[in-house]
PDB file of N, CA and C in Angstrom:
ATOM      1  N   MET A   1     -10.433  14.830  97.016  1.00  0.00           N
ATOM      2  CA  MET A   1     -11.275  15.736  97.735  1.00  0.00           C
ATOM      3  C   MET A   1     -11.213  15.485  99.065  1.00  0.00           C
ATOM      4  N   MET A   2     -11.014  16.214 100.038  1.00  0.00           N
ATOM      5  CA  MET A   2     -11.658  16.244 101.270  1.00  0.00           C
ATOM      6  C   MET A   2     -12.512  16.900 101.597  1.00  0.00           C
ATOM      7  N   TYR A   3     -13.533  16.116 102.104  1.00  0.00           N
ATOM      8  CA  TYR A   3     -14.539  16.289 103.018  1.00  0.00           C
ATOM      9  C   TYR A   3     -14.811  16.262 104.832  1.00  0.00           C
ATOM     10  N   TYR A   4     -15.444  17.557 105.102  1.00  0.00           N
ATOM     11  CA  TYR A   4     -15.482  17.856 106.381  1.00  0.00           C
ATOM     12  C   TYR A   4     -17.348  17.727 106.897  1.00  0.00           C
ATOM     13  N   LEU A   5     -17.000  16.763 107.750  1.00  0.00           N
ATOM     14  CA  LEU A   5     -18.477  16.641 108.339  1.00  0.00           C
ATOM     15  C   LEU A   5     -18.604  17.354 109.674  1.00  0.00           C
ATOM     16  N   ILE A   6     -19.257  17.958 109.780  1.00  0.00           N
ATOM     17  CA  ILE A   6     -19.611  18.205 111.250  1.00  0.00           C
ATOM     18  C   ILE A   6     -21.348  18.426 111.672  1.00  0.00           C
ATOM     19  N   THR A   7     -21.165  17.852 112.938  1.00  0.00           N
ATOM     20  CA  THR A   7     -22.355  17.096 113.725  1.00  0.00           C
ATOM     21  C   THR A   7     -23.026  18.254 114.525  1.00  0.00           C
ATOM     22  N   GLU A   8     -24.412  18.444 114.251  1.00  0.00           N
ATOM     23  CA  GLU A   8     -24.963  19.587 114.988  1.00  0.00           C
ATOM     24  C   GLU A   8     -26.218  18.906 115.216  1.00  0.00           C
ATOM     25  N   GLY A   9     -26.794  18.623 116.288  1.00  0.00           N
ATOM     26  CA  GLY A   9     -27.938  18.214 117.283  1.00  0.00           C
ATOM     27  C   GLY A   9     -28.054  16.691 116.555  1.00  0.00           C
ATOM     28  N   LEU A  10     -29.097  16.474 116.121  1.00  0.00           N
ATOM     29  CA  LEU A  10     -29.210  15.242 115.509  1.00  0.00           C
ATOM     30  C   LEU A  10     -29.321  14.982 113.826  1.00  0.00           C
ATOM     31  N   GLY A  11     -28.269  16.030 113.403  1.00  0.00           N
ATOM     32  CA  GLY A  11     -28.366  16.540 111.847  1.00  0.00           C
ATOM     33  C   GLY A  11     -26.550  16.456 111.129  1.00  0.00           C
ATOM     34  N   PHE A  12     -26.393  16.716 110.719  1.00  0.00           N
ATOM     35  CA  PHE A  12     -24.803  17.458 110.184  1.00  0.00           C
ATOM     36  C   PHE A  12     -24.975  17.963 108.864  1.00  0.00           C
ATOM     37  N   HIS A  13     -23.676  18.432 108.429  1.00  0.00           N
ATOM     38  CA  HIS A  13     -23.451  19.263 107.040  1.00  0.00           C
ATOM     39  C   HIS A  13     -22.221  18.472 106.640  1.00  0.00           C
ATOM     40  N   LEU A  14     -21.847  18.391 105.559  1.00  0.00           N
ATOM     41  CA  LEU A  14     -21.151  18.071 104.654  1.00  0.00           C
ATOM     42  C   LEU A  14     -20.384  18.941 104.303  1.00  0.00           C
ATOM     43  N   PHE A  15     -18.735  19.468 104.459  1.00  0.00           N
ATOM     44  CA  PHE A  15     -18.308  20.345 103.991  1.00  0.00           C
ATOM     45  C   PHE A  15     -17.141  19.858 102.865  1.00  0.00           C
ATOM     46  N   THR A  16     -17.027  20.604 101.849  1.00  0.00           N
ATOM     47  CA  THR A  16     -16.000  20.038 100.843  1.00  0.00           C
ATOM     48  C   THR A  16     -14.547  20.978 100.426  1.00  0.00           C
ATOM     49  N   ASP A  17     -14.323  22.439 101.233  1.00  0.00           N
ATOM     50  CA  ASP A  17     -13.811  23.137 101.149  1.00  0.00           C
ATOM     51  C   ASP A  17     -12.767  23.194 102.837  1.00  0.00           C
ATOM     52  N   PHE A  18     -11.641  24.156 102.165  1.00  0.00           N
ATOM     53  CA  PHE A  18     -10.994  24.645 103.730  1.00  0.00           C
ATOM     54  C   PHE A  18     -11.127  25.518 104.012  1.00  0.00           C
ATOM     55  N   SER A  19     -12.016  26.472 103.796  1.00  0.00           N
ATOM     56  CA  SER A  19     -12.134  26.991 104.714  1.00  0.00           C
ATOM     57  C   SER A  19     -13.042  26.967 105.710  1.00  0.00           C
ATOM     58  N   SER A  20     -13.726  25.533 105.297  1.00  0.00           N
ATOM     59  CA  SER A  20     -14.890  25.479 106.672  1.00  0.00           C
ATOM     60  C   SER A  20     -13.704  25.083 107.584  1.00  0.00           C
ATOM     61  N   GLN A  21     -12.508  24.783 107.610  1.00  0.00           N
ATOM     62  CA  GLN A  21     -11.917  24.109 109.134  1.00  0.00           C
ATOM     63  C   GLN A  21     -11.505  25.089 110.115  1.00  0.00           C
ATOM     64  N   ALA A  22     -12.021  26.538 109.672  1.00  0.00           N
ATOM     65  CA  ALA A  22     -11.992  27.355 111.060  1.00  0.00           C
ATOM     66  C   ALA A  22     -12.959  27.023 111.455  1.00  0.00           C
ATOM     67  N   GLN A  23     -14.262  26.646 110.378  1.00  0.00           N
ATOM     68  CA  GLN A  23     -15.628  26.279 111.602  1.00  0.00           C
ATOM     69  C   GLN A  23     -15.900  24.983 112.127  1.00  0.00           C
ATOM     70  N   ILE A  24     -15.069  24.345 111.729  1.00  0.00           N
ATOM     71  CA  ILE A  24     -15.143  22.953 112.703  1.00  0.00           C
ATOM     72  C   ILE A  24     -14.143  23.186 113.799  1.00  0.00           C
ATOM     73  N   GLN A  25     -13.137  24.231 113.800  1.00  0.00           N
ATOM     74  CA  GLN A  25     -11.888  24.022 114.694  1.00  0.00           C
ATOM     75  C   GLN A  25     -12.846  24.977 115.970  1.00  0.00           C
ATOM     76  N   ARG A  26     -13.759  25.824 116.105  1.00  0.00           N
ATOM     77  CA  ARG A  26     -14.661  26.716 116.627  1.00  0.00           C
ATOM     78  C   ARG A  26     -15.648  25.711 117.143  1.00  0.00           C
ATOM     79  N   ARG A  27     -16.287  25.128 116.174  1.00  0.00           N
ATOM     80  CA  ARG A  27     -17.332  24.216 117.286  1.00  0.00           C
ATOM     81  C   ARG A  27     -16.697  23.202 117.881  1.00  0.00           C
ATOM     82  N   GLN A  28     -15.186  22.507 117.000  1.00  0.00           N
ATOM     83  CA  GLN A  28     -14.886  21.791 118.320  1.00  0.00           C
ATOM     84  C   GLN A  28     -14.126  22.317 119.308  1.00  0.00           C
ATOM     85  N   THR A  29     -14.369  23.363 119.430  1.00  0.00           N
ATOM     86  CA  THR A  29     -13.595  24.370 120.692  1.00  0.00           C
ATOM     87  C   THR A  29     -14.994  24.567 121.821  1.00  0.00           C
ATOM     88  N   GLN A  30     -16.184  24.847 120.936  1.00  0.00           N
ATOM     89  CA  GLN A  30     -17.156  24.948 121.888  1.00  0.00           C
ATOM     90  C   GLN A  30     -17.573  23.749 122.706  1.00  0.00           C
ATOM     91  N   ARG A  31     -17.678  22.938 121.966  1.00  0.00           N
ATOM     92  CA  ARG A  31     -18.054  21.378 122.608  1.00  0.00           C
ATOM     93  C   ARG A  31     -17.098  21.126 123.512  1.00  0.00           C
ATOM     94  N   ALA A  32     -16.001  21.602 123.670  1.00  0.00           N
ATOM     95  CA  ALA A  32     -14.622  21.344 124.478  1.00  0.00           C
ATOM     96  C   ALA A  32     -15.127  21.851 125.769  1.00  0.00           C
ATOM     97  N   ASP A  33     -15.659  22.892 125.711  1.00  0.00           N
ATOM     98  CA  ASP A  33     -16.120  24.231 126.598  1.00  0.00           C
ATOM     99  C   ASP A  33     -17.286  23.548 127.289  1.00  0.00           C
ATOM    100  N   TYR A  34     -18.237  23.273 126.284  1.00  0.00           N
ATOM    101  CA  TYR A  34     -19.129  22.870 127.266  1.00  0.00           C
ATOM    102  C   TYR A  34     -19.452  21.749 127.743  1.00  0.00           C
ATOM    103  N   GLU A  35     -18.440  20.703 127.182  1.00  0.00           N
ATOM    104  CA  GLU A  35     -18.376  19.367 127.963  1.00  0.00           C
ATOM    105  C   GLU A  35     -17.441  19.567 129.430  1.00  0.00           C
ATOM    106  N   ALA A  36     -16.623  20.754 129.018  1.00  0.00           N
ATOM    107  CA  ALA A  36     -15.999  20.740 130.668  1.00  0.00           C
ATOM    108  C   ALA A  36     -16.733  21.749 131.946  1.00  0.00           C
ATOM    109  N   PHE A  37     -17.609  22.851 131.135  1.00  0.00           N
ATOM    110  CA  PHE A  37     -19.229  23.140 132.111  1.00  0.00           C
ATOM    111  C   PHE A  37     -20.219  21.803 132.411  1.00  0.00           C
ATOM    112  N   LEU A  38     -20.557  20.698 131.669  1.00  0.00           N
ATOM    113  CA  LEU A  38     -20.781  19.866 132.547  1.00  0.00           C
ATOM    114  C   LEU A  38     -20.356  19.008 133.442  1.00  0.00           C
ATOM    115  N   LYS A  39     -18.691  18.983 133.513  1.00  0.00           N
ATOM    116  CA  LYS A  39     -18.528  18.532 134.065  1.00  0.00           C
ATOM    117  C   LYS A  39     -18.163  19.041 136.010  1.00  0.00           C
ATOM    118  N   ALA A  40     -17.788  20.546 135.933  1.00  0.00           N
ATOM    119  CA  ALA A  40     -17.573  21.743 136.331  1.00  0.00           C
ATOM    120  C   ALA A  40     -19.515  21.269 137.524  1.00  0.00           C
ATOM    121  N   PHE A  41     -20.475  21.349 136.356  1.00  0.00           N
ATOM    122  CA  PHE A  41     -21.626  21.826 136.921  1.00  0.00           C
ATOM    123  C   PHE A  41     -22.096  19.881 137.817  1.00  0.00           C
ATOM    124  N   GLU A  42     -21.980  18.966 137.506  1.00  0.00           N
ATOM    125  CA  GLU A  42     -22.292  17.970 137.620  1.00  0.00           C
ATOM    126  C   GLU A  42     -21.119  17.930 139.388  1.00  0.00           C
ATOM    127  N   LYS A  43     -20.564  18.500 139.127  1.00  0.00           N
ATOM    128  CA  LYS A  43     -19.713  18.340 140.735  1.00  0.00           C
ATOM    129  C   LYS A  43     -19.976  19.075 141.564  1.00  0.00           C
ATOM    130  N   LEU A  44     -21.340  20.303 141.307  1.00  0.00           N
ATOM    131  CA  LEU A  44     -21.928  21.106 142.253  1.00  0.00           C
ATOM    132  C   LEU A  44     -22.881  20.138 143.305  1.00  0.00           C
ATOM    133  N   PRO A  45     -22.866  20.518 144.235  1.00  0.00           N
ATOM    134  CA  PRO A  45     -24.023  20.005 145.471  1.00  0.00           C
ATOM    135  C   PRO A  45     -25.581  20.373 144.928  1.00  0.00           C
ATOM    136  N   ASP A  46     -26.153  19.665 145.153  1.00  0.00           N
ATOM    137  CA  ASP A  46     -27.964  20.295 145.083  1.00  0.00           C
ATOM    138  C   ASP A  46     -28.241  21.751 145.021  1.00  0.00           C
ATOM    139  N   GLN A  47     -27.343  21.968 146.276  1.00  0.00           N
ATOM    140  CA  GLN A  47     -27.480  23.214 146.974  1.00  0.00           C
ATOM    141  C   GLN A  47     -26.576  23.891 147.754  1.00  0.00           C
ATOM    142  N   LEU A  48     -25.854  24.832 147.332  1.00  0.00           N
ATOM    143  CA  LEU A  48     -24.951  25.940 147.538  1.00  0.00           C
ATOM    144  C   LEU A  48     -25.301  26.731 148.903  1.00  0.00           C
ATOM    145  N   THR A  49     -24.262  26.626 149.800  1.00  0.00           N
ATOM    146  CA  THR A  49     -24.522  27.030 150.955  1.00  0.00           C
ATOM    147  C   THR A  49     -23.681  28.778 151.271  1.00  0.00           C
ATOM    148  N   GLU A  50     -22.750  28.614 150.400  1.00  0.00           N
ATOM    149  CA  GLU A  50     -21.925  29.944 150.778  1.00  0.00           C
ATOM    150  C   GLU A  50     -21.586  29.555 149.127  1.00  0.00           C
ATOM    151  N   PHE A  51     -21.139  31.510 149.121  1.00  0.00           N
ATOM    152  CA  PHE A  51     -20.469  31.556 147.985  1.00  0.00           C
ATOM    153  C   PHE A  51     -18.800  30.981 147.734  1.00  0.00           C
ATOM    154  N   ALA A  52     -18.166  30.487 146.449  1.00  0.00           N
ATOM    155  CA  ALA A  52     -17.220  29.987 145.997  1.00  0.00           C
ATOM    156  C   ALA A  52     -17.012  30.229 144.849  1.00  0.00           C
ATOM    157  N   LEU A  53     -15.702  31.053 145.003  1.00  0.00           N
ATOM    158  CA  LEU A  53     -15.790  32.094 143.381  1.00  0.00           C
ATOM    159  C   LEU A  53     -14.760  30.929 142.470  1.00  0.00           C
ATOM    160  N   GLU A  54     -14.449  29.690 142.995  1.00  0.00           N
ATOM    161  CA  GLU A  54     -14.147  28.494 141.822  1.00  0.00           C
ATOM    162  C   GLU A  54     -15.357  28.240 141.115  1.00  0.00           C
ATOM    163  N   THR A  55     -16.870  28.173 141.740  1.00  0.00           N
ATOM    164  CA  THR A  55     -17.858  28.086 141.646  1.00  0.00           C
ATOM    165  C   THR A  55     -18.193  28.848 140.531  1.00  0.00           C
ATOM    166  N   TRP A  56     -18.255  29.761 140.492  1.00  0.00           N
ATOM    167  CA  TRP A  56     -18.734  31.100 140.094  1.00  0.00           C
ATOM    168  C   TRP A  56     -17.738  31.032 138.541  1.00  0.00           C
ATOM    169  N   HIS A  57     -16.785  31.005 138.803  1.00  0.00           N
ATOM    170  CA  HIS A  57     -15.866  31.178 137.572  1.00  0.00           C
ATOM    171  C   HIS A  57     -15.768  29.538 136.816  1.00  0.00           C
ATOM    172  N   SER A  58     -16.327  29.042 137.381  1.00  0.00           N
ATOM    173  CA  SER A  58     -16.341  27.352 136.416  1.00  0.00           C
ATOM    174  C   SER A  58     -18.325  27.713 135.537  1.00  0.00           C
ATOM    175  N   LEU A  59     -18.622  28.728 136.025  1.00  0.00           N
ATOM    176  CA  LEU A  59     -20.278  28.239 135.533  1.00  0.00           C
ATOM    177  C   LEU A  59     -20.376  29.723 134.558  1.00  0.00           C
ATOM    178  N   VAL A  60     -19.655  30.881 134.925  1.00  0.00           N
ATOM    179  CA  VAL A  60     -19.955  32.397 133.744  1.00  0.00           C
ATOM    180  C   VAL A  60     -18.960  32.278 132.998  1.00  0.00           C
ATOM    181  N   ASP A  61     -19.589  32.761 132.384  1.00  0.00           N
ATOM    182  CA  ASP A  61     -18.178  33.022 131.048  1.00  0.00           C
ATOM    183  C   ASP A  61     -17.784  34.241 130.867  1.00  0.00           C
ATOM    184  N   PHE A  62     -19.270  35.250 131.147  1.00  0.00           N
ATOM    185  CA  PHE A  62     -18.971  36.720 131.144  1.00  0.00           C
ATOM    186  C   PHE A  62     -20.330  37.529 131.717  1.00  0.00           C
ATOM    187  N   ALA A  63     -19.502  38.456 131.635  1.00  0.00           N
ATOM    188  CA  ALA A  63     -20.871  39.605 132.439  1.00  0.00           C
ATOM    189  C   ALA A  63     -20.785  40.667 131.467  1.00  0.00           C
ATOM    190  N   THR A  64     -22.124  41.378 130.846  1.00  0.00           N
ATOM    191  CA  THR A  64     -22.481  41.960 130.197  1.00  0.00           C
ATOM    192  C   THR A  64     -23.344  43.762 131.159  1.00  0.00           C
ATOM    193  N   VAL A  65     -22.608  44.698 130.802  1.00  0.00           N
ATOM    194  CA  VAL A  65     -23.495  46.073 131.610  1.00  0.00           C
ATOM    195  C   VAL A  65     -23.983  47.028 130.546  1.00  0.00           C
ATOM    196  N   TYR A  66     -25.380  47.086 130.940  1.00  0.00           N
ATOM    197  CA  TYR A  66     -25.466  47.661 129.513  1.00  0.00           C
ATOM    198  C   TYR A  66     -26.361  48.771 130.404  1.00  0.00           C
ATOM    199  N   SER A  67     -26.411  49.074 131.747  1.00  0.00           N
ATOM    200  CA  SER A  67     -26.880  50.108 132.203  1.00  0.00           C
ATOM    201  C   SER A  67     -26.624  49.714 134.356  1.00  0.00           C
ATOM    202  N   GLU A  68     -26.758  50.920 134.854  1.00  0.00           N
ATOM    203  CA  GLU A  68     -26.795  50.390 136.195  1.00  0.00           C
ATOM    204  C   GLU A  68     -28.024  49.756 136.549  1.00  0.00           C
ATOM    205  N   ASN A  69     -28.966  49.503 136.238  1.00  0.00           N
ATOM    206  CA  ASN A  69     -30.237  48.218 136.587  1.00  0.00           C
ATOM    207  C   ASN A  69     -29.981  47.071 135.580  1.00  0.00           C
ATOM    208  N   ASP A  70     -28.815  47.312 134.514  1.00  0.00           N
ATOM    209  CA  ASP A  70     -28.872  46.059 133.721  1.00  0.00           C
ATOM    210  C   ASP A  70     -27.749  45.425 133.471  1.00  0.00           C
ATOM    211  N   ILE A  71     -27.819  44.438 134.317  1.00  0.00           N
ATOM    212  CA  ILE A  71     -26.166  43.643 134.565  1.00  0.00           C
ATOM    213  C   ILE A  71     -26.830  42.022 133.977  1.00  0.00           C
ATOM    214  N   ARG A  72     -26.175  41.128 132.775  1.00  0.00           N
ATOM    215  CA  ARG A  72     -26.188  40.145 132.499  1.00  0.00           C
ATOM    216  C   ARG A  72     -25.193  39.532 132.527  1.00  0.00           C
ATOM    217  N   PHE A  73     -25.456  37.794 133.138  1.00  0.00           N
ATOM    218  CA  PHE A  73     -24.832  37.209 132.925  1.00  0.00           C
ATOM    219  C   PHE A  73     -24.479  36.179 132.407  1.00  0.00           C
ATOM    220  N   THR A  74     -23.470  36.081 131.416  1.00  0.00           N
ATOM    221  CA  THR A  74     -23.713  34.718 130.398  1.00  0.00           C
ATOM    222  C   THR A  74     -22.898  33.707 130.884  1.00  0.00           C
ATOM    223  N   PHE A  75     -23.540  32.321 131.182  1.00  0.00           N
ATOM    224  CA  PHE A  75     -23.151  31.172 131.407  1.00  0.00           C
ATOM    225  C   PHE A  75     -22.365  30.342 130.546  1.00  0.00           C
ATOM    226  N   LYS A  76     -21.121  30.038 130.680  1.00  0.00           N
ATOM    227  CA  LYS A  76     -20.649  28.921 130.025  1.00  0.00           C
ATOM    228  C   LYS A  76     -21.774  28.081 128.938  1.00  0.00           C
ATOM    229  N   ASN A  77     -22.674  27.557 129.944  1.00  0.00           N
ATOM    230  CA  ASN A  77     -24.127  26.992 128.399  1.00  0.00           C
ATOM    231  C   ASN A  77     -24.452  27.592 127.780  1.00  0.00           C
ATOM    232  N   GLY A  78     -24.355  28.847 127.885  1.00  0.00           N
ATOM    233  CA  GLY A  78     -25.206  29.634 126.583  1.00  0.00           C
ATOM    234  C   GLY A  78     -26.284  30.521 127.364  1.00  0.00           C
ATOM    235  N   GLN A  79     -26.574  29.986 128.492  1.00  0.00           N
ATOM    236  CA  GLN A  79     -27.604  31.349 129.081  1.00  0.00           C
ATOM    237  C   GLN A  79     -27.295  31.866 129.505  1.00  0.00           C
ATOM    238  N   GLU A  80     -28.512  33.192 129.628  1.00  0.00           N
ATOM    239  CA  GLU A  80     -27.845  34.609 130.241  1.00  0.00           C
ATOM    240  C   GLU A  80     -29.270  34.640 131.527  1.00  0.00           C
ATOM    241  N   GLY A  81     -28.578  35.331 132.582  1.00  0.00           N
ATOM    242  CA  GLY A  81     -29.234  35.397 133.594  1.00  0.00           C
ATOM    243  C   GLY A  81     -29.081  37.007 134.228  1.00  0.00           C
ATOM    244  N   ARG A  82     -29.893  37.595 134.811  1.00  0.00           N
ATOM    245  CA  ARG A  82     -30.218  39.104 135.010  1.00  0.00           C
ATOM    246  C   ARG A  82     -29.670  39.705 136.135  1.00  0.00           C
ATOM    247  N   ALA A  83     -29.371  39.889 136.759  1.00  0.00           N
ATOM    248  CA  ALA A  83     -28.888  40.584 137.998  1.00  0.00           C
ATOM    249  C   ALA A  83     -29.685  41.444 138.269  1.00  0.00           C
TER     250      ALA A  83
END
């Protein structure tokens, strides 16, 4: 029997079926994305003096337009900001 161990924070989950493989791969991808976000964030200066498209792309995952007056940006770390 094959076991899959997924860590989450300080806890962990143990799975014994192959259907959990997709969940494992999703979490591994999320972790890699988060680590890439942290590396990009650590390279940023304490204050930004000008807009840089590369910086914006390294931090923002997607934008959601709910209405003309409600636009939200979701950052790669999962936080959401409202414009």
